[in-house]
Amino acid sequence: MAFVEQNPDAAIVEWTGDTTSRSLRWRYDGELYSATGVTKRLLTLAGIEAGTLPGPDYWLLPDGRPLYRASLEVRNQGTSG
């Protein structure tokens, strides 16, 4: 939390609309990452050693839903129609 408090842009990623694995632009450095990649980078910069982790579970949408859960909902909508 201290790292994010000192660097508020580190808490924000923007989906680029690209369908590749690196579809998130991290506002902190402007680079493209996967959800797991940016999570690991953020933790490393905060001084936390990151092992295996589910990156999409660490990012919340403005409505509070985890990114991964929202992606499943979108996927299900596409197949139910």
PDB file of N, CA and C in Angstrom:
ATOM      1  N   MET A   1       0.817  -1.199   0.000  1.00  0.00           N
ATOM      2  CA  MET A   1       0.000   0.000   0.000  1.00  0.00           C
ATOM      3  C   MET A   1       0.858   1.259   0.000  1.00  0.00           C
ATOM      4  N   ALA A   2       1.978   1.221   0.702  1.00  0.00           N
ATOM      5  CA  ALA A   2       2.818   2.417   0.766  1.00  0.00           C
ATOM      6  C   ALA A   2       3.311   2.812  -0.624  1.00  0.00           C
ATOM      7  N   PHE A   3       3.689   1.821  -1.437  1.00  0.00           N
ATOM      8  CA  PHE A   3       4.166   2.127  -2.786  1.00  0.00           C
ATOM      9  C   PHE A   3       3.063   2.792  -3.602  1.00  0.00           C
ATOM     10  N   VAL A   4       1.857   2.272  -3.517  1.00  0.00           N
ATOM     11  CA  VAL A   4       0.735   2.829  -4.278  1.00  0.00           C
ATOM     12  C   VAL A   4       0.354   4.208  -3.749  1.00  0.00           C
ATOM     13  N   GLU A   5       0.428   4.403  -2.452  1.00  0.00           N
ATOM     14  CA  GLU A   5       0.137   5.727  -1.897  1.00  0.00           C
ATOM     15  C   GLU A   5       1.131   6.766  -2.404  1.00  0.00           C
ATOM     16  N   GLN A   6       2.390   6.373  -2.557  1.00  0.00           N
ATOM     17  CA  GLN A   6       3.421   7.279  -3.057  1.00  0.00           C
ATOM     18  C   GLN A   6       3.375   7.416  -4.582  1.00  0.00           C
ATOM     19  N   ASN A   7       2.789   6.424  -5.246  1.00  0.00           N
ATOM     20  CA  ASN A   7       2.724   6.393  -6.715  1.00  0.00           C
ATOM     21  C   ASN A   7       1.306   6.014  -7.138  1.00  0.00           C
ATOM     22  N   PRO A   8       0.346   6.913  -7.034  1.00  0.00           N
ATOM     23  CA  PRO A   8      -1.053   6.571  -7.314  1.00  0.00           C
ATOM     24  C   PRO A   8      -1.294   5.976  -8.699  1.00  0.00           C
ATOM     25  N   ASP A   9      -0.518   6.366  -9.689  1.00  0.00           N
ATOM     26  CA  ASP A   9      -0.693   5.797 -11.029  1.00  0.00           C
ATOM     27  C   ASP A   9      -0.357   4.311 -11.078  1.00  0.00           C
ATOM     28  N   ALA A  10       0.347   3.806 -10.080  1.00  0.00           N
ATOM     29  CA  ALA A  10       0.689   2.383 -10.044  1.00  0.00           C
ATOM     30  C   ALA A  10      -0.540   1.520  -9.802  1.00  0.00           C
ATOM     31  N   ALA A  11      -1.621   2.106  -9.354  1.00  0.00           N
ATOM     32  CA  ALA A  11      -2.844   1.351  -9.079  1.00  0.00           C
ATOM     33  C   ALA A  11      -3.805   1.322 -10.260  1.00  0.00           C
ATOM     34  N   ILE A  12      -3.377   1.871 -11.395  1.00  0.00           N
ATOM     35  CA  ILE A  12      -4.304   1.995 -12.526  1.00  0.00           C
ATOM     36  C   ILE A  12      -3.730   1.326 -13.772  1.00  0.00           C
ATOM     37  N   VAL A  13      -4.524   0.430 -14.347  1.00  0.00           N
ATOM     38  CA  VAL A  13      -4.218  -0.124 -15.660  1.00  0.00           C
ATOM     39  C   VAL A  13      -5.400   0.173 -16.563  1.00  0.00           C
ATOM     40  N   GLU A  14      -5.120   0.292 -17.827  1.00  0.00           N
ATOM     41  CA  GLU A  14      -6.166   0.567 -18.818  1.00  0.00           C
ATOM     42  C   GLU A  14      -6.140  -0.534 -19.863  1.00  0.00           C
ATOM     43  N   TRP A  15      -7.290  -1.089 -20.153  1.00  0.00           N
ATOM     44  CA  TRP A  15      -7.378  -2.103 -21.187  1.00  0.00           C
ATOM     45  C   TRP A  15      -7.246  -1.418 -22.531  1.00  0.00           C
ATOM     46  N   THR A  16      -6.394  -1.947 -23.393  1.00  0.00           N
ATOM     47  CA  THR A  16      -6.136  -1.321 -24.686  1.00  0.00           C
ATOM     48  C   THR A  16      -7.125  -1.758 -25.755  1.00  0.00           C
ATOM     49  N   GLY A  17      -7.869  -2.810 -25.486  1.00  0.00           N
ATOM     50  CA  GLY A  17      -8.785  -3.347 -26.488  1.00  0.00           C
ATOM     51  C   GLY A  17      -8.127  -4.398 -27.354  1.00  0.00           C
ATOM     52  N   ASP A  18      -6.830  -4.550 -27.185  1.00  0.00           N
ATOM     53  CA  ASP A  18      -6.090  -5.556 -27.930  1.00  0.00           C
ATOM     54  C   ASP A  18      -6.408  -6.929 -27.359  1.00  0.00           C
ATOM     55  N   THR A  19      -6.417  -7.936 -28.188  1.00  0.00           N
ATOM     56  CA  THR A  19      -6.744  -9.282 -27.716  1.00  0.00           C
ATOM     57  C   THR A  19      -5.503 -10.122 -27.442  1.00  0.00           C
ATOM     58  N   THR A  20      -4.330  -9.505 -27.458  1.00  0.00           N
ATOM     59  CA  THR A  20      -3.110 -10.237 -27.130  1.00  0.00           C
ATOM     60  C   THR A  20      -3.013 -10.383 -25.613  1.00  0.00           C
ATOM     61  N   SER A  21      -2.045 -11.158 -25.170  1.00  0.00           N
ATOM     62  CA  SER A  21      -1.893 -11.370 -23.732  1.00  0.00           C
ATOM     63  C   SER A  21      -1.445 -10.104 -23.010  1.00  0.00           C
ATOM     64  N   ARG A  22      -0.815  -9.190 -23.714  1.00  0.00           N
ATOM     65  CA  ARG A  22      -0.365  -7.933 -23.085  1.00  0.00           C
ATOM     66  C   ARG A  22      -1.305  -6.814 -23.507  1.00  0.00           C
ATOM     67  N   SER A  23      -2.484  -6.836 -22.935  1.00  0.00           N
ATOM     68  CA  SER A  23      -3.511  -5.874 -23.352  1.00  0.00           C
ATOM     69  C   SER A  23      -3.785  -4.792 -22.316  1.00  0.00           C
ATOM     70  N   LEU A  24      -2.968  -4.734 -21.269  1.00  0.00           N
ATOM     71  CA  LEU A  24      -3.159  -3.708 -20.240  1.00  0.00           C
ATOM     72  C   LEU A  24      -2.003  -2.719 -20.274  1.00  0.00           C
ATOM     73  N   ARG A  25      -2.336  -1.441 -20.344  1.00  0.00           N
ATOM     74  CA  ARG A  25      -1.311  -0.390 -20.273  1.00  0.00           C
ATOM     75  C   ARG A  25      -1.285   0.111 -18.833  1.00  0.00           C
ATOM     76  N   TRP A  26      -0.097  -0.006 -18.239  1.00  0.00           N
ATOM     77  CA  TRP A  26       0.064   0.412 -16.844  1.00  0.00           C
ATOM     78  C   TRP A  26       0.334   1.902 -16.826  1.00  0.00           C
ATOM     79  N   ARG A  27      -0.505   2.632 -16.144  1.00  0.00           N
ATOM     80  CA  ARG A  27      -0.363   4.082 -16.123  1.00  0.00           C
ATOM     81  C   ARG A  27       0.956   4.515 -15.483  1.00  0.00           C
ATOM     82  N   TYR A  28       1.489   3.718 -14.602  1.00  0.00           N
ATOM     83  CA  TYR A  28       2.731   4.049 -13.901  1.00  0.00           C
ATOM     84  C   TYR A  28       3.903   4.236 -14.860  1.00  0.00           C
ATOM     85  N   ASP A  29       4.032   3.314 -15.850  1.00  0.00           N
ATOM     86  CA  ASP A  29       5.167   3.435 -16.766  1.00  0.00           C
ATOM     87  C   ASP A  29       4.777   3.466 -18.243  1.00  0.00           C
ATOM     88  N   GLY A  30       3.487   3.336 -18.536  1.00  0.00           N
ATOM     89  CA  GLY A  30       3.019   3.406 -19.910  1.00  0.00           C
ATOM     90  C   GLY A  30       3.277   2.162 -20.742  1.00  0.00           C
ATOM     91  N   GLU A  31       3.846   1.126 -20.128  1.00  0.00           N
ATOM     92  CA  GLU A  31       4.167  -0.101 -20.852  1.00  0.00           C
ATOM     93  C   GLU A  31       2.966  -1.044 -20.887  1.00  0.00           C
ATOM     94  N   LEU A  32       2.997  -1.990 -21.841  1.00  0.00           N
ATOM     95  CA  LEU A  32       1.944  -2.986 -21.961  1.00  0.00           C
ATOM     96  C   LEU A  32       2.327  -4.249 -21.185  1.00  0.00           C
ATOM     97  N   TYR A  33       1.340  -4.817 -20.501  1.00  0.00           N
ATOM     98  CA  TYR A  33       1.558  -6.001 -19.678  1.00  0.00           C
ATOM     99  C   TYR A  33       0.344  -6.915 -19.748  1.00  0.00           C
ATOM    100  N   SER A  34       0.559  -8.142 -19.328  1.00  0.00           N
ATOM    101  CA  SER A  34      -0.553  -9.019 -18.987  1.00  0.00           C
ATOM    102  C   SER A  34      -0.953  -8.643 -17.560  1.00  0.00           C
ATOM    103  N   ALA A  35      -2.105  -9.100 -17.115  1.00  0.00           N
ATOM    104  CA  ALA A  35      -2.538  -8.794 -15.740  1.00  0.00           C
ATOM    105  C   ALA A  35      -1.544  -9.364 -14.729  1.00  0.00           C
ATOM    106  N   THR A  36      -1.048 -10.554 -14.988  1.00  0.00           N
ATOM    107  CA  THR A  36      -0.075 -11.159 -14.075  1.00  0.00           C
ATOM    108  C   THR A  36       1.252 -10.416 -14.141  1.00  0.00           C
ATOM    109  N   GLY A  37       1.683 -10.045 -15.343  1.00  0.00           N
ATOM    110  CA  GLY A  37       2.953  -9.334 -15.494  1.00  0.00           C
ATOM    111  C   GLY A  37       2.985  -8.009 -14.765  1.00  0.00           C
ATOM    112  N   VAL A  38       1.935  -7.235 -14.890  1.00  0.00           N
ATOM    113  CA  VAL A  38       1.921  -5.934 -14.227  1.00  0.00           C
ATOM    114  C   VAL A  38       1.795  -6.105 -12.709  1.00  0.00           C
ATOM    115  N   THR A  39       1.078  -7.114 -12.274  1.00  0.00           N
ATOM    116  CA  THR A  39       0.959  -7.364 -10.833  1.00  0.00           C
ATOM    117  C   THR A  39       2.312  -7.732 -10.248  1.00  0.00           C
ATOM    118  N   LYS A  40       3.027  -8.613 -10.927  1.00  0.00           N
ATOM    119  CA  LYS A  40       4.355  -9.004 -10.440  1.00  0.00           C
ATOM    120  C   LYS A  40       5.314  -7.825 -10.444  1.00  0.00           C
ATOM    121  N   ARG A  41       5.255  -6.997 -11.481  1.00  0.00           N
ATOM    122  CA  ARG A  41       6.140  -5.823 -11.555  1.00  0.00           C
ATOM    123  C   ARG A  41       5.841  -4.846 -10.425  1.00  0.00           C
ATOM    124  N   LEU A  42       4.569  -4.607 -10.180  1.00  0.00           N
ATOM    125  CA  LEU A  42       4.177  -3.702  -9.100  1.00  0.00           C
ATOM    126  C   LEU A  42       4.667  -4.231  -7.756  1.00  0.00           C
ATOM    127  N   LEU A  43       4.465  -5.517  -7.504  1.00  0.00           N
ATOM    128  CA  LEU A  43       4.910  -6.096  -6.238  1.00  0.00           C
ATOM    129  C   LEU A  43       6.427  -6.014  -6.100  1.00  0.00           C
ATOM    130  N   THR A  44       7.149  -6.263  -7.190  1.00  0.00           N
ATOM    131  CA  THR A  44       8.608  -6.164  -7.150  1.00  0.00           C
ATOM    132  C   THR A  44       9.044  -4.742  -6.802  1.00  0.00           C
ATOM    133  N   LEU A  45       8.448  -3.754  -7.437  1.00  0.00           N
ATOM    134  CA  LEU A  45       8.786  -2.359  -7.139  1.00  0.00           C
ATOM    135  C   LEU A  45       8.434  -1.974  -5.707  1.00  0.00           C
ATOM    136  N   ALA A  46       7.432  -2.643  -5.152  1.00  0.00           N
ATOM    137  CA  ALA A  46       7.031  -2.379  -3.767  1.00  0.00           C
ATOM    138  C   ALA A  46       7.886  -3.156  -2.771  1.00  0.00           C
ATOM    139  N   GLY A  47       8.839  -3.940  -3.284  1.00  0.00           N
ATOM    140  CA  GLY A  47       9.736  -4.676  -2.406  1.00  0.00           C
ATOM    141  C   GLY A  47       9.191  -6.013  -1.947  1.00  0.00           C
ATOM    142  N   ILE A  48       8.227  -6.547  -2.683  1.00  0.00           N
ATOM    143  CA  ILE A  48       7.616  -7.822  -2.323  1.00  0.00           C
ATOM    144  C   ILE A  48       7.996  -8.840  -3.389  1.00  0.00           C
ATOM    145  N   GLU A  49       8.530  -9.974  -2.952  1.00  0.00           N
ATOM    146  CA  GLU A  49       8.891 -11.021  -3.900  1.00  0.00           C
ATOM    147  C   GLU A  49       7.625 -11.746  -4.332  1.00  0.00           C
ATOM    148  N   ALA A  50       7.372 -11.731  -5.620  1.00  0.00           N
ATOM    149  CA  ALA A  50       6.155 -12.341  -6.150  1.00  0.00           C
ATOM    150  C   ALA A  50       6.469 -13.715  -6.720  1.00  0.00           C
ATOM    151  N   GLY A  51       5.724 -14.699  -6.260  1.00  0.00           N
ATOM    152  CA  GLY A  51       5.829 -16.033  -6.835  1.00  0.00           C
ATOM    153  C   GLY A  51       4.730 -16.192  -7.868  1.00  0.00           C
ATOM    154  N   THR A  52       4.179 -17.372  -7.940  1.00  0.00           N
ATOM    155  CA  THR A  52       3.068 -17.628  -8.839  1.00  0.00           C
ATOM    156  C   THR A  52       1.830 -16.947  -8.286  1.00  0.00           C
ATOM    157  N   LEU A  53       1.134 -16.227  -9.135  1.00  0.00           N
ATOM    158  CA  LEU A  53      -0.080 -15.542  -8.684  1.00  0.00           C
ATOM    159  C   LEU A  53      -1.051 -15.367  -9.833  1.00  0.00           C
ATOM    160  N   PRO A  54      -2.341 -15.289  -9.512  1.00  0.00           N
ATOM    161  CA  PRO A  54      -3.360 -15.054 -10.548  1.00  0.00           C
ATOM    162  C   PRO A  54      -3.565 -13.553 -10.740  1.00  0.00           C
ATOM    163  N   GLY A  55      -2.824 -12.960 -11.653  1.00  0.00           N
ATOM    164  CA  GLY A  55      -2.860 -11.513 -11.858  1.00  0.00           C
ATOM    165  C   GLY A  55      -4.238 -10.912 -11.999  1.00  0.00           C
ATOM    166  N   PRO A  56      -5.155 -11.503 -12.798  1.00  0.00           N
ATOM    167  CA  PRO A  56      -6.471 -10.888 -12.965  1.00  0.00           C
ATOM    168  C   PRO A  56      -7.269 -10.757 -11.668  1.00  0.00           C
ATOM    169  N   ASP A  57      -6.935 -11.570 -10.670  1.00  0.00           N
ATOM    170  CA  ASP A  57      -7.644 -11.464  -9.385  1.00  0.00           C
ATOM    171  C   ASP A  57      -7.208 -10.246  -8.574  1.00  0.00           C
ATOM    172  N   TYR A  58      -6.086  -9.643  -8.934  1.00  0.00           N
ATOM    173  CA  TYR A  58      -5.562  -8.506  -8.187  1.00  0.00           C
ATOM    174  C   TYR A  58      -6.087  -7.165  -8.674  1.00  0.00           C
ATOM    175  N   TRP A  59      -6.772  -7.144  -9.804  1.00  0.00           N
ATOM    176  CA  TRP A  59      -7.244  -5.895 -10.383  1.00  0.00           C
ATOM    177  C   TRP A  59      -8.755  -5.828 -10.319  1.00  0.00           C
ATOM    178  N   LEU A  60      -9.269  -4.706  -9.819  1.00  0.00           N
ATOM    179  CA  LEU A  60     -10.708  -4.505  -9.698  1.00  0.00           C
ATOM    180  C   LEU A  60     -11.176  -3.465 -10.700  1.00  0.00           C
ATOM    181  N   LEU A  61     -12.355  -3.689 -11.234  1.00  0.00           N
ATOM    182  CA  LEU A  61     -12.986  -2.704 -12.111  1.00  0.00           C
ATOM    183  C   LEU A  61     -13.587  -1.599 -11.250  1.00  0.00           C
ATOM    184  N   PRO A  62     -13.942  -0.465 -11.829  1.00  0.00           N
ATOM    185  CA  PRO A  62     -14.525   0.620 -11.030  1.00  0.00           C
ATOM    186  C   PRO A  62     -15.751   0.196 -10.214  1.00  0.00           C
ATOM    187  N   ASP A  63     -16.467  -0.840 -10.672  1.00  0.00           N
ATOM    188  CA  ASP A  63     -17.636  -1.292  -9.907  1.00  0.00           C
ATOM    189  C   ASP A  63     -17.272  -2.290  -8.808  1.00  0.00           C
ATOM    190  N   GLY A  64     -15.984  -2.570  -8.637  1.00  0.00           N
ATOM    191  CA  GLY A  64     -15.527  -3.438  -7.562  1.00  0.00           C
ATOM    192  C   GLY A  64     -15.374  -4.902  -7.937  1.00  0.00           C
ATOM    193  N   ARG A  65     -15.791  -5.291  -9.138  1.00  0.00           N
ATOM    194  CA  ARG A  65     -15.652  -6.689  -9.555  1.00  0.00           C
ATOM    195  C   ARG A  65     -14.210  -6.973  -9.947  1.00  0.00           C
ATOM    196  N   PRO A  66     -13.699  -8.162  -9.580  1.00  0.00           N
ATOM    197  CA  PRO A  66     -12.363  -8.534 -10.052  1.00  0.00           C
ATOM    198  C   PRO A  66     -12.365  -8.663 -11.575  1.00  0.00           C
ATOM    199  N   LEU A  67     -11.279  -8.291 -12.186  1.00  0.00           N
ATOM    200  CA  LEU A  67     -11.147  -8.340 -13.638  1.00  0.00           C
ATOM    201  C   LEU A  67     -11.448  -9.738 -14.170  1.00  0.00           C
ATOM    202  N   TYR A  68     -10.954 -10.761 -13.488  1.00  0.00           N
ATOM    203  CA  TYR A  68     -11.169 -12.119 -13.969  1.00  0.00           C
ATOM    204  C   TYR A  68     -12.657 -12.482 -13.983  1.00  0.00           C
ATOM    205  N   ARG A  69     -13.360 -12.158 -12.905  1.00  0.00           N
ATOM    206  CA  ARG A  69     -14.789 -12.478 -12.848  1.00  0.00           C
ATOM    207  C   ARG A  69     -15.556 -11.756 -13.956  1.00  0.00           C
ATOM    208  N   ALA A  70     -15.213 -10.508 -14.185  1.00  0.00           N
ATOM    209  CA  ALA A  70     -15.872  -9.743 -15.245  1.00  0.00           C
ATOM    210  C   ALA A  70     -15.594 -10.360 -16.610  1.00  0.00           C
ATOM    211  N   SER A  71     -14.371 -10.858 -16.818  1.00  0.00           N
ATOM    212  CA  SER A  71     -14.055 -11.469 -18.109  1.00  0.00           C
ATOM    213  C   SER A  71     -14.878 -12.731 -18.321  1.00  0.00           C
ATOM    214  N   LEU A  72     -15.113 -13.489 -17.258  1.00  0.00           N
ATOM    215  CA  LEU A  72     -15.953 -14.682 -17.376  1.00  0.00           C
ATOM    216  C   LEU A  72     -17.396 -14.306 -17.708  1.00  0.00           C
ATOM    217  N   GLU A  73     -17.878 -13.228 -17.103  1.00  0.00           N
ATOM    218  CA  GLU A  73     -19.245 -12.781 -17.387  1.00  0.00           C
ATOM    219  C   GLU A  73     -19.387 -12.373 -18.847  1.00  0.00           C
ATOM    220  N   VAL A  74     -18.400 -11.677 -19.379  1.00  0.00           N
ATOM    221  CA  VAL A  74     -18.430 -11.266 -20.780  1.00  0.00           C
ATOM    222  C   VAL A  74     -18.390 -12.499 -21.682  1.00  0.00           C
ATOM    223  N   ARG A  75     -17.524 -13.435 -21.339  1.00  0.00           N
ATOM    224  CA  ARG A  75     -17.407 -14.662 -22.128  1.00  0.00           C
ATOM    225  C   ARG A  75     -18.743 -15.425 -22.127  1.00  0.00           C
ATOM    226  N   ASN A  76     -19.372 -15.523 -20.960  1.00  0.00           N
ATOM    227  CA  ASN A  76     -20.664 -16.230 -20.862  1.00  0.00           C
ATOM    228  C   ASN A  76     -21.763 -15.536 -21.643  1.00  0.00           C
ATOM    229  N   GLN A  77     -21.748 -14.214 -21.669  1.00  0.00           N
ATOM    230  CA  GLN A  77     -22.740 -13.475 -22.452  1.00  0.00           C
ATOM    231  C   GLN A  77     -22.583 -13.770 -23.929  1.00  0.00           C
ATOM    232  N   GLY A  78     -21.359 -13.925 -24.371  1.00  0.00           N
ATOM    233  CA  GLY A  78     -21.090 -14.200 -25.776  1.00  0.00           C
ATOM    234  C   GLY A  78     -21.529 -15.589 -26.207  1.00  0.00           C
ATOM    235  N   THR A  79     -21.607 -16.505 -25.258  1.00  0.00           N
ATOM    236  CA  THR A  79     -21.988 -17.875 -25.602  1.00  0.00           C
ATOM    237  C   THR A  79     -23.442 -18.191 -25.305  1.00  0.00           C
ATOM    238  N   SER A  80     -24.131 -17.266 -24.635  1.00  0.00           N
ATOM    239  CA  SER A  80     -25.513 -17.554 -24.253  1.00  0.00           C
ATOM    240  C   SER A  80     -26.517 -16.950 -25.229  1.00  0.00           C
ATOM    241  N   GLY A  81     -26.015 -16.256 -26.220  1.00  0.00           N
ATOM    242  CA  GLY A  81     -26.894 -15.505 -27.017  1.00  0.00           C
ATOM    243  C   GLY A  81     -27.411 -15.944 -28.265  1.00  0.00           C
TER     244      GLY A  81
END
